[in-house]
Amino acid sequence: MAKAPSIPLETQLACVSREVALRERVYPRWVAAGRMTQAKADAEIAAMKAVEQTLLSLVPPDAQGAML
């Protein structure tokens, strides 16, 4: 497997935060349209929020204010 490019933690966090917001905005429409169940939407949003929290746990305490 090729080595993944080095992407700064701040960039990763911003990306994940955007993805959470996107899911929170789009999934309710998908549920209403029958494209996704509410349980699946809830699980997918929870999973991405968990990724966000994992990344936040890697941020040094003195840098957390700058990244939030």
Protein backbone atom coordinates (compact mmCIF):
# COMPACT_ATOMS: atom_id res chain seq x y z
CA MET A 1 0.00 0.00 0.00
CA ALA A 2 1.29 3.45 -0.86
CA LYS A 3 2.05 5.83 1.97
CA ALA A 4 -0.75 8.32 2.55
CA PRO A 5 0.17 11.97 2.13
CA SER A 6 0.87 13.86 5.32
CA ILE A 7 -2.14 16.05 6.01
CA PRO A 8 -1.96 18.41 8.98
CA LEU A 9 -4.23 17.59 11.91
CA GLU A 10 -5.90 21.01 11.64
CA THR A 11 -6.84 20.25 8.03
CA GLN A 12 -8.17 16.82 8.96
CA LEU A 13 -10.29 18.30 11.74
CA ALA A 14 -11.72 20.95 9.44
CA CYS A 15 -12.61 18.29 6.89
CA VAL A 16 -14.32 16.08 9.46
CA SER A 17 -16.22 19.05 10.89
CA ARG A 18 -17.50 19.91 7.42
CA GLU A 19 -18.53 16.29 6.89
CA VAL A 20 -20.48 16.23 10.16
CA ALA A 21 -22.30 19.42 9.16
CA LEU A 22 -23.03 18.02 5.71
CA ARG A 23 -24.47 14.80 7.13
CA GLU A 24 -26.60 16.71 9.62
CA ARG A 25 -27.97 18.82 6.77
CA VAL A 26 -28.46 16.09 4.13
CA TYR A 27 -29.40 12.92 6.00
CA PRO A 28 -32.79 14.19 7.24
CA ARG A 29 -33.82 14.68 3.59
CA TRP A 30 -32.55 11.22 2.72
CA VAL A 31 -34.53 9.70 5.58
CA ALA A 32 -37.67 11.57 4.49
CA ALA A 33 -37.16 10.32 0.93
CA GLY A 34 -36.72 6.71 2.09
CA ARG A 35 -33.14 6.65 0.86
CA MET A 36 -31.76 5.94 4.35
CA THR A 37 -33.26 4.77 7.64
CA GLN A 38 -33.20 7.06 10.65
CA ALA A 39 -31.17 4.46 12.53
CA LYS A 40 -28.54 4.38 9.78
CA ALA A 41 -28.42 8.19 9.62
CA ASP A 42 -27.98 8.42 13.38
CA ALA A 43 -25.23 5.78 13.34
CA GLU A 44 -23.34 7.42 10.48
CA ILE A 45 -23.46 10.86 12.11
CA ALA A 46 -22.38 9.39 15.45
CA ALA A 47 -19.47 7.60 13.79
CA MET A 48 -18.21 10.78 12.14
CA LYS A 49 -18.58 12.70 15.40
CA ALA A 50 -16.50 9.97 17.05
CA VAL A 51 -13.80 10.48 14.41
CA GLU A 52 -13.90 14.20 15.17
CA GLN A 53 -13.48 13.54 18.90
CA THR A 54 -10.61 11.13 18.25
CA LEU A 55 -8.80 13.76 16.19
CA LEU A 56 -9.49 16.42 18.83
CA SER A 57 -7.92 14.14 21.45
CA LEU A 58 -4.67 14.31 19.46
CA VAL A 59 -4.52 18.11 19.63
CA PRO A 60 -2.14 19.34 22.33
CA PRO A 61 -4.05 21.22 25.07
CA ASP A 62 -2.23 24.49 24.37
CA ALA A 63 -3.31 24.39 20.70
CA GLN A 64 -6.96 23.38 21.13
CA GLY A 65 -8.34 26.92 21.20
CA ALA A 66 -6.75 27.69 17.84
CA MET A 67 -8.24 24.59 16.20
CA LEU A 68 -11.81 24.89 17.46
